[in-house]
Amino acid sequence: MKAIVVGPDEDGLGDALEREGVEVTRIEEFGTRPALEEAGITDADAVVLTLAASATTIPVAKDLNDDVRVVVYAGDSLPDFARGQADFIVDPQLLSAEAVAEELAA
């Protein structure tokens, strides 16, 4: 499995995914089209956003890869336009990075 983690990942979901055997590519800033393409979005199984402010990444990722699962792992609220395109929205205070990584890798 391949995942792209977009954002600062202060809760360590990227590391938890790697411990589950997931190949992780990181985009530290925003998930722009060029950044997603460089990170290998066409071959990715999941895109993980760690900031709801990066919501514009979702339609771009879906445009480049219809099958990519979008996971938002952030405590702030996701804008309405992106909520319907996200596959999973999880608050880090409700579910640990390890639990989310285990589910994604399964």
Protein backbone atom coordinates (compact mmCIF):
# COMPACT_ATOMS: atom_id res chain seq x y z
CA MET A 1 0.00 0.00 0.00
CA LYS A 2 1.14 3.54 -0.79
CA ALA A 3 -0.01 6.67 1.04
CA ILE A 4 0.72 10.36 0.70
CA VAL A 5 0.62 12.39 3.90
CA VAL A 6 -0.09 16.08 3.30
CA GLY A 7 0.66 18.52 6.12
CA PRO A 8 2.72 18.70 9.29
CA ASP A 9 1.58 15.34 10.77
CA GLU A 10 2.05 16.38 14.38
CA ASP A 11 0.11 13.31 15.58
CA GLY A 12 2.46 10.87 13.83
CA LEU A 13 0.05 9.12 11.48
CA GLY A 14 2.71 8.86 8.77
CA ASP A 15 5.08 7.08 11.17
CA ALA A 16 2.26 4.79 12.33
CA LEU A 17 1.48 3.92 8.70
CA GLU A 18 5.14 3.09 8.07
CA ARG A 19 5.13 0.77 11.10
CA GLU A 20 2.19 -1.02 9.45
CA GLY A 21 4.26 -1.55 6.29
CA VAL A 22 2.74 1.26 4.25
CA GLU A 23 5.03 3.13 1.85
CA VAL A 24 4.62 6.79 2.86
CA THR A 25 5.49 9.89 0.85
CA ARG A 26 5.22 13.22 2.63
CA ILE A 27 4.22 16.63 1.36
CA GLU A 28 5.04 19.12 4.11
CA GLU A 29 3.10 22.05 2.67
CA PHE A 30 -0.10 22.04 0.64
CA GLY A 31 -1.07 19.25 -1.74
CA THR A 32 -0.94 21.15 -4.99
CA ARG A 33 -1.32 19.31 -8.28
CA PRO A 34 2.45 19.40 -9.02
CA ALA A 35 3.28 18.25 -5.47
CA LEU A 36 0.78 15.38 -5.66
CA GLU A 37 2.07 14.33 -9.08
CA GLU A 38 5.65 14.38 -7.82
CA ALA A 39 4.61 12.33 -4.77
CA GLY A 40 3.10 9.65 -7.03
CA ILE A 41 -0.63 10.26 -6.65
CA THR A 42 -1.50 8.08 -9.65
CA ASP A 43 -0.14 5.01 -7.82
CA ALA A 44 -1.27 5.97 -4.31
CA ASP A 45 -3.90 4.06 -2.41
CA ALA A 46 -4.56 6.84 0.10
CA VAL A 47 -4.04 10.54 0.67
CA VAL A 48 -3.99 11.65 4.29
CA LEU A 49 -4.59 15.31 5.16
CA THR A 50 -3.45 16.48 8.57
CA LEU A 51 -4.97 19.95 8.25
CA ALA A 52 -8.53 20.67 7.22
CA ALA A 53 -7.19 23.89 5.70
CA SER A 54 -5.70 21.67 2.99
CA ALA A 55 -9.17 20.64 1.83
CA THR A 56 -8.55 21.85 -1.71
CA THR A 57 -6.17 18.91 -2.02
CA ILE A 58 -9.12 16.51 -2.03
CA PRO A 59 -10.70 17.34 -5.41
CA VAL A 60 -7.25 17.60 -6.99
CA ALA A 61 -6.27 14.16 -5.67
CA LYS A 62 -9.56 12.63 -6.81
CA ASP A 63 -9.13 14.21 -10.25
CA LEU A 64 -5.70 12.60 -10.60
CA ASN A 65 -6.69 9.23 -9.13
CA ASP A 66 -10.38 8.26 -8.93
CA ASP A 67 -9.65 5.30 -6.68
CA VAL A 68 -7.55 7.05 -4.04
CA ARG A 69 -9.00 6.98 -0.51
CA VAL A 70 -8.95 10.36 1.18
CA VAL A 71 -8.44 10.41 4.94
CA VAL A 72 -8.64 13.62 6.92
CA TYR A 73 -6.90 13.22 10.28
CA ALA A 74 -7.37 16.64 11.82
CA GLY A 75 -9.09 18.26 14.75
CA ASP A 76 -10.43 21.22 12.83
CA SER A 77 -13.59 21.19 10.75
CA LEU A 78 -13.53 20.27 7.07
CA PRO A 79 -15.29 22.72 4.70
CA ASP A 80 -18.60 21.53 3.25
CA PHE A 81 -17.34 21.39 -0.34
CA ALA A 82 -14.76 18.75 0.61
CA ARG A 83 -16.70 16.76 3.19
CA GLY A 84 -18.55 14.69 0.61
CA GLN A 85 -15.35 13.71 -1.19
CA ALA A 86 -13.46 12.52 1.90
CA ASP A 87 -13.68 8.80 2.64
CA PHE A 88 -12.76 9.07 6.33
CA ILE A 89 -12.73 12.07 8.65
CA VAL A 90 -11.13 11.37 12.02
CA ASP A 91 -10.33 13.65 14.94
CA PRO A 92 -6.93 12.74 16.45
CA GLN A 93 -8.38 13.24 19.93
CA LEU A 94 -10.95 10.50 19.29
CA LEU A 95 -8.82 7.85 17.60
CA SER A 96 -5.07 7.27 17.88
CA ALA A 97 -2.72 7.39 14.89
CA GLU A 98 -1.95 3.72 15.50
CA ALA A 99 -5.62 2.72 15.28
CA VAL A 100 -6.16 4.71 12.07
CA ALA A 101 -2.98 3.28 10.52
CA GLU A 102 -4.04 -0.24 11.39
CA GLU A 103 -7.42 0.28 9.70
CA LEU A 104 -5.93 1.84 6.58
CA ALA A 105 -3.29 -0.87 6.20
CA ALA A 106 -5.81 -3.70 6.63
